[in-house]
Every structure is written in structure tokens, then in C-alpha cells.
Amino acid sequence: MKTDVAIIGGGPAGLLLSQLLMRAGISTVVLERQTRPHVLSRIRAGVLEAGTVEVLKAAGVGDRLLREGIPHDNCYLSSDDTLFRINLIEGCGKQVTVYGQTEVTQDLYDAQDAMGATILHEVSDVALHDLTGDAPFVTFRHDGEAKRLECRYIAGCDGFHGVSRPSIPADVRKEFEKVYPFGWLGVLSRTPPATPELIYANHERGFALASMRNPMLSRYYIQVPLTDRVEDWSDDAFWAELLRRFPPDVAASIQTGPSIEKSIAPLRSFVCEPMQWGRLFLCGDAAHIVPPTGAKGLNLAVSDIFYLSRALIAQYADGNGDLLARYGQDALARVWQAMRFSWQLTTLMHRFPDQTGFDRRMQVAELSQLATSPDARRLFSQVYAGLPY
């Protein structure tokens, strides 16, 4: 098999890159370890930055997003029983859109199918070869057969546990990581959202988040110890704990119901440098992980794809490799800013096991500054709604 760009990983990052490149006449093959139903069953992020919406529209997958996505002009933060609003339009002139990652992935699959894209599922034993030469290739197994894919470039979109990042020599990679001492227990329920906007809550019992996927699908989270298991939490226990962590008027508006999905996710901040090695380019979770507090995971993957697709299209259009040579530099500049925001918001809104009285006073002071200072809300809004590319 031969193609211009081999894409390792068929999640939203890999599918979006394939979509943008194919629209520019650049051939791709996508290799995905899981089945398509498995990829579409992943419950992930639901808050899209303004720039992410524009990239998806440019890729030709914005129609349903514009019809069904829920624009948000505000978000709310609470500290114990106080609640205040951050007006994004006032702060930066942008809004975010609530539209689940599952929906983004479905839209990309539909668009790729319509274009006749080559997407191979249930691929195993993937290995990347000759990454610093002029003719890299990928070997793998599919349908019980050993296969070889020759290409000019390889995009590693295969997530934190994929093969792409480890294909960069260990003495070249620098990895930066912070692991947080708690996780998020998330529940999805077929209930109307508590409020029209997201609420991030800092409470003495721990963090909580009220969010939504659509007008009849709500997503709630609570901070839990890393030792907890999903089996430890019945639906009744989850709802009781969630209600304790919001101000009384918010708690009164929450409709409870049976969970249709329940999971616990650990939190970490992680960045790998460099994001390119020879003809291999890392994108999304293969290169970086953010705690979900700032809703930056999918948005950072999209910004990586924006930079990489732009660079590859320029290379194929006129042989100009300048953008390709600085892909990692451009992507990492945005990654570290989003990393800072996610780390800061995580530190601000959670209760830590070793937290001192001084640490708590600092949280209160910073929340007070956000509540009272237009300048503080403006800076928050700029990153929350999305830095420019």
C-alpha cells in the first residue's frame, strides 16, 4: 500500500487530519486499533472553543454542529455557597459551543465515508520505520495479514498509550508530567441540564461540575480519591454527593435519574517535546494530556491538526517546507498556554489532600479576584473561549 500521509489513530484528531488533507488532494490512510463502534462509544469532551468550530466548518463538517450545538456566552464558578458568572462575550467577544466529542467523531466518519477515505479498523502490531529518512513506512497486521504502508509522512494521532510517541528515541524526548492526587467520577444521565451554562464548583467536600451534551442529556462530575472504584458509587450515592457540592438554588434545579454511563478518570498534565521527529508528527493525546477542568483536550488536538494540515498542504502545494519544519514550535506554543490554564483552574477548583489553610485562602482570594475584577475575567475568558491560532 502507498499513500502520502499515514495517520496512526482514527479518533477525532486522525479523522480531522484526513478530512482536511483529502479536501486538498493529499492522499491518506488511517489505521485504528479499535472498532468503529468502540471509537464512537467514547464519552469525552463537550465544550468546543470558537477556533475549533471554525476549523470543523472549514473541514466541511460544521452543518450539524451549527444546527445542534449549544452556544454558551457564559460559565459560572462557585465557592462553597457563592456563585458568580464569567461573561465570555464581555470578556473576549467569543463564545464556546457545547457539542459532544462523540458527535464530532460521527460527523467526521460520515464525511470521510462520503469521500471514500481508507480507514482500517482493528489494526494491530503497528510499527513505524525509517522516520528520519525520505521514505518512511508503517508495518501492521489487518484481517490476519501482515501489511506494509509506504508514505511520505506519518501523523501520530494514536493517543497517550499509542506507538507513535515511543517511536521518538528516548534520548531525544523530554516529557513533563504532573499527576494529580484525585480523579473525576463522571455520570451521564438522560435528564435536562441543571442550568443553561456550565458550573464549576469548589466545595469543602471537593470539586463538582455541572455540564450537558444536549437539552435532554446531562453530564456531571465530582472529585473522588484515586482509590475509589466505579462500583463503590451507586447512582443514589453519586446524586447525594453531587447535590451537596453546589449552592442550594443550583442543587434544587438538578433533576436526578438513572445513569447511562459512569466512569472514573485520573487527572494529569503531560507534554512531550519535541512533537516532531524526522517525518513523524505527534498530534493530540499522543503529545500532550490536560486535566479536563479547562475542557482543552479535544480543542488542543484540533489546534495541532490545524497547524499540521496547514503545513502539509503548503508542502504539497508549492514545496514550501517552512511551516512543516516549525510545526512542533507552533503547536507547543499554544499547548503550553492551554496547559497553564488547565493546571491553574485545576489547582483553583479542587481540594488537595495536603492542602493547608494558606492554600485555601489563596483559592478564596483568586476566586474573589475573578468575581470582582473585569480584567481577571477578561484574561480567563480569552483562554477559556480559545486563544487564536
Protein backbone atom coordinates (compact mmCIF):
# COMPACT_ATOMS: atom_id res chain seq x y z
CA MET A 1 0.00 0.00 0.00
CA LYS A 2 1.09 3.57 -0.68
CA THR A 3 -0.20 6.96 0.45
CA ASP A 4 1.01 10.50 1.02
CA VAL A 5 0.29 10.61 4.77
CA ALA A 6 -0.13 7.62 7.06
CA ILE A 7 -2.32 8.55 10.03
CA ILE A 8 -1.96 6.38 13.13
CA GLY A 9 -5.19 6.62 15.14
CA GLY A 10 -8.78 7.02 13.97
CA GLY A 11 -10.19 9.24 16.69
CA PRO A 12 -11.29 12.82 16.02
CA ALA A 13 -7.71 14.09 15.53
CA GLY A 14 -6.80 11.48 12.94
CA LEU A 15 -10.12 11.72 11.13
CA LEU A 16 -9.98 15.52 11.03
CA LEU A 17 -6.46 15.50 9.60
CA SER A 18 -7.51 13.01 6.94
CA GLN A 19 -10.55 15.12 6.10
CA LEU A 20 -8.57 18.35 5.70
CA LEU A 21 -5.79 16.70 3.67
CA MET A 22 -8.13 14.82 1.34
CA ARG A 23 -10.02 18.03 0.62
CA ALA A 24 -6.67 19.46 -0.52
CA GLY A 25 -5.96 16.47 -2.77
CA ILE A 26 -3.47 14.76 -0.43
CA SER A 27 -3.99 11.02 -0.02
CA THR A 28 -4.23 9.42 3.43
CA VAL A 29 -4.67 6.04 5.09
CA VAL A 30 -5.96 5.92 8.67
CA LEU A 31 -5.01 2.98 10.90
CA GLU A 32 -7.16 2.47 14.01
CA ARG A 33 -6.67 -0.19 16.69
CA GLN A 34 -10.32 -0.33 17.81
CA THR A 35 -13.60 -0.99 16.01
CA ARG A 36 -15.66 1.92 14.75
CA PRO A 37 -18.44 1.33 17.34
CA HIS A 38 -15.81 1.42 20.09
CA VAL A 39 -14.40 4.72 18.82
CA LEU A 40 -17.92 6.17 18.70
CA SER A 41 -18.74 4.95 22.21
CA ARG A 42 -16.03 7.03 23.92
CA ILE A 43 -17.60 9.67 26.15
CA ARG A 44 -15.25 12.64 26.13
CA ALA A 45 -15.19 16.42 25.97
CA GLY A 46 -18.17 18.51 25.01
CA VAL A 47 -17.01 22.15 25.06
CA LEU A 48 -15.64 23.46 21.76
CA GLU A 49 -13.62 26.65 21.52
CA ALA A 50 -14.59 29.24 18.91
CA GLY A 51 -11.50 28.33 16.87
CA THR A 52 -12.35 24.63 16.95
CA VAL A 53 -15.77 25.39 15.50
CA GLU A 54 -14.14 27.36 12.67
CA VAL A 55 -11.71 24.53 11.85
CA LEU A 56 -14.56 21.98 11.76
CA LYS A 57 -16.56 24.27 9.48
CA ALA A 58 -13.52 24.64 7.17
CA ALA A 59 -13.26 20.84 7.08
CA GLY A 60 -16.83 20.60 5.82
CA VAL A 61 -18.22 19.03 8.99
CA GLY A 62 -19.89 22.03 10.58
CA ASP A 63 -23.51 21.74 9.41
CA ARG A 64 -24.91 19.55 12.20
CA LEU A 65 -22.67 21.26 14.74
CA LEU A 66 -24.21 24.63 13.84
CA ARG A 67 -27.74 23.15 13.99
CA GLU A 68 -27.46 21.14 17.18
CA GLY A 69 -24.54 22.66 19.10
CA ILE A 70 -25.46 24.79 22.09
CA PRO A 71 -23.70 28.19 22.12
CA HIS A 72 -22.61 29.37 25.56
CA ASP A 73 -21.89 33.02 26.28
CA ASN A 74 -21.10 32.43 29.96
CA CYS A 75 -19.81 29.98 32.52
CA TYR A 76 -20.21 30.02 36.30
CA LEU A 77 -17.82 29.40 39.17
CA SER A 78 -18.88 28.72 42.73
CA SER A 79 -17.02 28.63 46.03
CA ASP A 80 -18.98 26.78 48.69
CA ASP A 81 -22.37 28.51 48.51
CA THR A 82 -21.45 31.59 46.44
CA LEU A 83 -21.90 31.69 42.66
CA PHE A 84 -20.70 34.20 40.06
CA ARG A 85 -20.78 34.49 36.29
CA ILE A 86 -17.99 34.95 33.77
CA ASN A 87 -19.41 36.56 30.64
CA LEU A 88 -17.28 35.33 27.74
CA ILE A 89 -18.69 37.77 25.20
CA GLU A 90 -17.97 40.65 27.53
CA GLY A 91 -14.52 39.31 28.29
CA CYS A 92 -13.24 38.41 24.83
CA GLY A 93 -16.04 38.68 22.27
CA LYS A 94 -16.21 34.90 21.74
CA GLN A 95 -18.46 32.07 22.84
CA VAL A 96 -17.95 28.34 23.26
CA THR A 97 -20.22 25.63 21.87
CA VAL A 98 -21.37 22.51 23.69
CA TYR A 99 -21.27 19.60 21.24
CA GLY A 100 -20.02 16.20 22.32
CA GLN A 101 -16.84 14.63 21.02
CA THR A 102 -18.88 11.58 20.00
CA GLU A 103 -20.91 13.82 17.69
CA VAL A 104 -17.77 15.38 16.21
CA THR A 105 -16.38 11.91 15.54
CA GLN A 106 -19.63 10.76 13.91
CA ASP A 107 -19.67 13.82 11.65
CA LEU A 108 -16.07 13.14 10.62
CA TYR A 109 -16.78 9.47 9.90
CA ASP A 110 -19.77 10.45 7.75
CA ALA A 111 -17.69 12.98 5.81
CA GLN A 112 -14.80 10.56 5.36
CA ASP A 113 -17.14 7.82 4.15
CA ALA A 114 -18.63 10.22 1.61
CA MET A 115 -15.12 10.98 0.30
CA GLY A 116 -14.17 7.30 0.07
CA ALA A 117 -11.45 7.54 2.71
CA THR A 118 -9.36 4.48 3.58
CA ILE A 119 -9.87 3.83 7.31
CA LEU A 120 -8.70 0.45 8.56
CA HIS A 121 -10.06 -0.68 11.93
CA GLU A 122 -8.86 -3.44 14.26
CA VAL A 123 -5.27 -2.94 13.18
CA SER A 124 -2.57 -4.49 15.40
CA ASP A 125 1.23 -4.72 15.71
CA VAL A 126 1.75 -1.24 14.28
CA ALA A 127 5.40 -0.23 13.92
CA LEU A 128 6.93 2.91 12.38
CA HIS A 129 10.12 2.71 10.33
CA ASP A 130 12.79 4.98 8.79
CA LEU A 131 11.33 8.10 10.35
CA THR A 132 14.41 10.25 9.62
CA GLY A 133 14.77 9.06 6.02
CA ASP A 134 12.99 10.13 2.85
CA ALA A 135 10.77 7.07 2.62
CA PRO A 136 9.18 6.18 5.98
CA PHE A 137 6.80 3.25 6.18
CA VAL A 138 4.44 1.54 8.59
CA THR A 139 4.05 -2.19 9.17
CA PHE A 140 0.95 -3.67 10.80
CA ARG A 141 -1.47 -6.57 10.81
CA HIS A 142 -5.00 -6.33 9.48
CA ASP A 143 -7.52 -9.10 8.76
CA GLY A 144 -4.93 -11.61 9.89
CA GLU A 145 -2.32 -10.50 7.35
CA ALA A 146 0.99 -8.65 7.73
CA LYS A 147 0.94 -5.46 5.70
CA ARG A 148 3.22 -2.55 4.81
CA LEU A 149 2.15 1.04 4.14
CA GLU A 150 4.63 3.27 2.32
CA CYS A 151 4.20 7.02 2.76
CA ARG A 152 5.94 10.38 2.78
CA TYR A 153 4.84 11.49 6.24
CA ILE A 154 3.38 9.91 9.37
CA ALA A 155 0.95 11.61 11.76
CA GLY A 156 0.82 10.07 15.23
CA CYS A 157 -2.76 10.61 16.42
CA ASP A 158 -2.95 7.41 18.47
CA GLY A 159 -3.31 8.78 21.98
CA PHE A 160 -1.27 8.61 25.15
CA HIS A 161 -0.77 4.83 25.01
CA GLY A 162 -0.09 4.57 21.26
CA VAL A 163 3.07 3.59 19.43
CA SER A 164 3.87 6.98 17.89
CA ARG A 165 5.43 8.84 20.82
CA PRO A 166 7.67 5.90 21.86
CA SER A 167 8.92 5.81 18.25
CA ILE A 168 10.86 9.00 19.00
CA PRO A 169 14.16 7.90 20.61
CA ALA A 170 14.12 8.10 24.40
CA ASP A 171 17.27 10.25 24.46
CA VAL A 172 15.52 12.79 22.22
CA ARG A 173 12.20 13.01 24.07
CA LYS A 174 11.66 15.30 27.02
CA GLU A 175 8.50 14.53 28.95
CA PHE A 176 6.93 16.85 31.50
CA GLU A 177 4.25 15.47 33.80
CA LYS A 178 2.19 16.31 36.84
CA VAL A 179 -0.15 13.66 38.26
CA TYR A 180 -2.98 14.96 40.46
CA PRO A 181 -3.94 13.10 43.66
CA PHE A 182 -7.61 12.61 42.73
CA GLY A 183 -9.88 11.63 39.87
CA TRP A 184 -13.22 12.64 38.38
CA LEU A 185 -16.26 10.41 38.74
CA GLY A 186 -18.49 11.25 35.79
CA VAL A 187 -22.14 10.34 35.22
CA LEU A 188 -24.18 10.77 32.05
CA SER A 189 -27.96 10.88 32.50
CA ARG A 190 -31.00 11.48 30.30
CA THR A 191 -32.12 14.48 32.29
CA PRO A 192 -32.39 18.19 31.44
CA PRO A 193 -29.32 20.21 32.47
CA ALA A 194 -29.40 21.97 35.83
CA THR A 195 -28.72 25.35 34.19
CA PRO A 196 -28.19 26.63 30.63
CA GLU A 197 -24.46 27.17 31.35
CA LEU A 198 -21.62 25.13 32.86
CA ILE A 199 -20.96 25.46 36.60
CA TYR A 200 -17.54 24.73 38.12
CA ALA A 201 -17.79 24.30 41.88
CA ASN A 202 -15.13 24.43 44.61
CA HIS A 203 -16.61 22.94 47.78
CA GLU A 204 -15.14 21.76 51.06
CA ARG A 205 -16.10 18.21 50.06
CA GLY A 206 -14.34 18.55 46.68
CA PHE A 207 -14.81 19.77 43.13
CA ALA A 208 -18.01 19.32 41.11
CA LEU A 209 -19.05 20.22 37.57
CA ALA A 210 -22.48 20.55 36.02
CA SER A 211 -22.43 20.32 32.23
CA MET A 212 -24.54 18.98 29.39
CA ARG A 213 -24.45 17.36 25.96
CA ASN A 214 -27.87 18.43 24.70
CA PRO A 215 -31.19 19.67 26.18
CA MET A 216 -32.03 16.18 27.46
CA LEU A 217 -28.56 14.79 28.21
CA SER A 218 -26.61 15.97 31.24
CA ARG A 219 -23.03 15.28 32.30
CA TYR A 220 -21.98 15.69 35.94
CA TYR A 221 -18.65 15.14 37.68
CA ILE A 222 -17.38 15.02 41.24
CA GLN A 223 -13.83 14.86 42.58
CA VAL A 224 -13.07 11.48 44.18
CA PRO A 225 -9.97 9.78 45.68
CA LEU A 226 -7.86 7.76 43.25
CA THR A 227 -8.60 4.69 45.36
CA ASP A 228 -12.33 4.84 44.55
CA ARG A 229 -13.86 2.47 42.00
CA VAL A 230 -17.00 2.95 39.93
CA GLU A 231 -18.51 0.00 41.81
CA ASP A 232 -18.20 1.99 45.03
CA TRP A 233 -20.70 4.55 43.79
CA SER A 234 -24.37 3.74 43.34
CA ASP A 235 -26.46 6.26 41.44
CA ASP A 236 -28.12 7.36 44.69
CA ALA A 237 -24.77 7.91 46.38
CA PHE A 238 -23.49 9.93 43.43
CA TRP A 239 -26.51 12.23 43.27
CA ALA A 240 -26.49 12.80 47.02
CA GLU A 241 -22.82 13.79 46.95
CA LEU A 242 -23.22 15.96 43.86
CA LEU A 243 -26.07 17.96 45.37
CA ARG A 244 -24.02 18.69 48.49
CA ARG A 245 -21.33 20.44 46.42
CA PHE A 246 -23.45 23.09 44.70
CA PRO A 247 -25.16 26.18 46.14
CA PRO A 248 -28.70 25.34 47.33
CA ASP A 249 -30.50 27.03 44.42
CA VAL A 250 -28.37 25.13 41.90
CA ALA A 251 -28.82 21.83 43.74
CA ALA A 252 -32.59 22.37 43.76
CA SER A 253 -32.60 22.65 39.96
CA ILE A 254 -30.76 19.35 39.34
CA GLN A 255 -33.00 16.53 38.13
CA THR A 256 -31.62 13.12 39.03
CA GLY A 257 -32.14 9.87 37.15
CA PRO A 258 -30.55 6.54 36.22
CA SER A 259 -27.00 6.82 34.91
CA ILE A 260 -26.42 5.65 31.34
CA GLU A 261 -22.62 5.87 31.68
CA LYS A 262 -20.39 6.09 34.72
CA SER A 263 -16.60 6.22 34.84
CA ILE A 264 -13.66 7.50 36.87
CA ALA A 265 -10.86 9.35 35.09
CA PRO A 266 -7.49 10.17 36.71
CA LEU A 267 -6.13 13.68 36.13
CA ARG A 268 -2.69 14.50 34.76
CA SER A 269 -0.83 17.23 32.92
CA PHE A 270 1.65 15.88 30.36
CA VAL A 271 3.68 17.30 27.47
CA CYS A 272 6.18 15.61 25.19
CA GLU A 273 8.83 17.62 23.39
CA PRO A 274 9.58 17.58 20.52
CA MET A 275 6.29 17.00 18.72
CA GLN A 276 8.08 16.03 15.52
CA TRP A 277 10.94 13.70 14.69
CA GLY A 278 12.04 13.32 11.11
CA ARG A 279 8.85 12.62 9.18
CA LEU A 280 6.77 11.75 12.25
CA PHE A 281 4.46 14.41 13.69
CA LEU A 282 2.63 13.92 17.01
CA CYS A 283 -0.89 15.29 17.46
CA GLY A 284 -3.38 15.40 20.31
CA ASP A 285 -3.09 13.00 23.24
CA ALA A 286 -0.03 11.35 21.68
CA ALA A 287 1.86 14.54 22.56
CA HIS A 288 0.01 16.07 25.49
CA ILE A 289 -2.67 15.43 28.12
CA VAL A 290 -4.52 18.10 30.07
CA PRO A 291 -6.77 17.66 33.08
CA PRO A 292 -10.38 18.04 31.89
CA THR A 293 -11.02 21.06 34.14
CA GLY A 294 -10.36 23.55 31.35
CA ALA A 295 -12.02 21.49 28.56
CA LYS A 296 -8.86 21.76 26.44
CA GLY A 297 -8.15 18.16 25.37
CA LEU A 298 -10.14 17.97 22.13
CA ASN A 299 -9.54 21.64 21.42
CA LEU A 300 -5.76 21.20 21.63
CA ALA A 301 -5.97 18.19 19.30
CA VAL A 302 -7.85 20.33 16.78
CA SER A 303 -5.28 23.12 17.02
CA ASP A 304 -2.48 20.57 16.39
CA ILE A 305 -4.35 19.37 13.32
CA PHE A 306 -4.81 22.95 12.14
CA TYR A 307 -1.05 23.56 12.26
CA LEU A 308 -0.09 20.20 10.75
CA SER A 309 -2.66 20.24 7.94
CA ARG A 310 -1.69 23.81 7.03
CA ALA A 311 1.98 22.81 6.93
CA LEU A 312 1.42 19.66 4.85
CA ILE A 313 -0.84 21.47 2.39
CA ALA A 314 1.82 24.16 1.93
CA GLN A 315 4.47 21.48 1.38
CA TYR A 316 2.42 19.73 -1.30
CA ALA A 317 1.15 22.95 -2.92
CA ASP A 318 4.48 24.63 -3.64
CA GLY A 319 7.21 22.66 -1.90
CA ASN A 320 7.46 25.21 0.91
CA GLY A 321 8.52 23.25 3.98
CA ASP A 322 8.92 26.18 6.37
CA LEU A 323 5.63 25.55 8.19
CA LEU A 324 6.33 21.83 8.40
CA ALA A 325 9.76 22.46 9.90
CA ARG A 326 8.26 24.57 12.68
CA TYR A 327 5.09 22.53 13.28
CA GLY A 328 6.18 21.48 16.74
CA GLN A 329 7.20 25.00 17.70
CA ASP A 330 3.85 26.46 16.60
CA ALA A 331 1.81 23.72 18.25
CA LEU A 332 3.72 23.74 21.53
CA ALA A 333 3.35 27.50 21.98
CA ARG A 334 -0.41 27.00 22.16
CA VAL A 335 -0.15 23.73 24.09
CA TRP A 336 1.77 25.29 26.97
CA GLN A 337 -0.67 28.19 27.28
CA ALA A 338 -3.60 25.77 27.48
CA MET A 339 -1.59 23.60 29.87
CA ARG A 340 -1.06 26.58 32.17
CA PHE A 341 -4.77 27.42 32.14
CA SER A 342 -5.85 23.84 32.85
CA TRP A 343 -3.31 23.46 35.66
CA GLN A 344 -4.34 26.80 37.16
CA LEU A 345 -8.06 26.04 37.03
CA THR A 346 -7.49 22.55 38.45
CA THR A 347 -5.44 23.99 41.30
CA LEU A 348 -8.05 26.67 41.92
CA MET A 349 -11.17 24.50 41.97
CA HIS A 350 -10.09 21.27 43.72
CA ARG A 351 -9.38 20.37 47.32
CA PHE A 352 -5.98 18.69 47.68
CA PRO A 353 -5.19 16.08 50.38
CA ASP A 354 -2.23 18.11 51.69
CA GLN A 355 -3.92 21.50 51.33
CA THR A 356 -3.06 23.96 54.09
CA GLY A 357 -5.10 26.83 55.44
CA PHE A 358 -2.88 29.18 53.44
CA ASP A 359 -3.55 27.23 50.23
CA ARG A 360 -7.30 27.52 50.80
CA ARG A 361 -7.02 31.27 51.45
CA MET A 362 -5.20 31.61 48.12
CA GLN A 363 -8.07 29.84 46.37
CA VAL A 364 -10.57 32.17 48.03
CA ALA A 365 -8.51 35.23 47.07
CA GLU A 366 -8.22 34.16 43.44
CA LEU A 367 -11.92 33.32 43.17
CA SER A 368 -12.71 36.71 44.71
CA GLN A 369 -10.50 38.39 42.12
CA LEU A 370 -12.35 36.62 39.30
CA ALA A 371 -15.68 37.60 40.84
CA THR A 372 -14.79 41.29 41.20
CA SER A 373 -12.18 42.15 38.56
CA PRO A 374 -13.17 42.68 34.90
CA ASP A 375 -9.51 42.34 33.94
CA ALA A 376 -9.24 38.93 35.63
CA ARG A 377 -12.43 37.74 33.91
CA ARG A 378 -11.14 39.05 30.57
CA LEU A 379 -7.93 37.01 30.85
CA PHE A 380 -9.91 33.92 31.92
CA SER A 381 -12.33 34.36 29.01
CA GLN A 382 -9.59 34.71 26.41
CA VAL A 383 -8.13 31.29 27.18
CA TYR A 384 -11.39 29.52 28.06
CA ALA A 385 -13.02 30.54 24.76
CA GLY A 386 -9.79 29.80 22.89
CA LEU A 387 -6.56 31.56 22.05
CA PRO A 388 -6.10 32.50 18.37
CA TYR A 389 -4.11 30.18 16.10
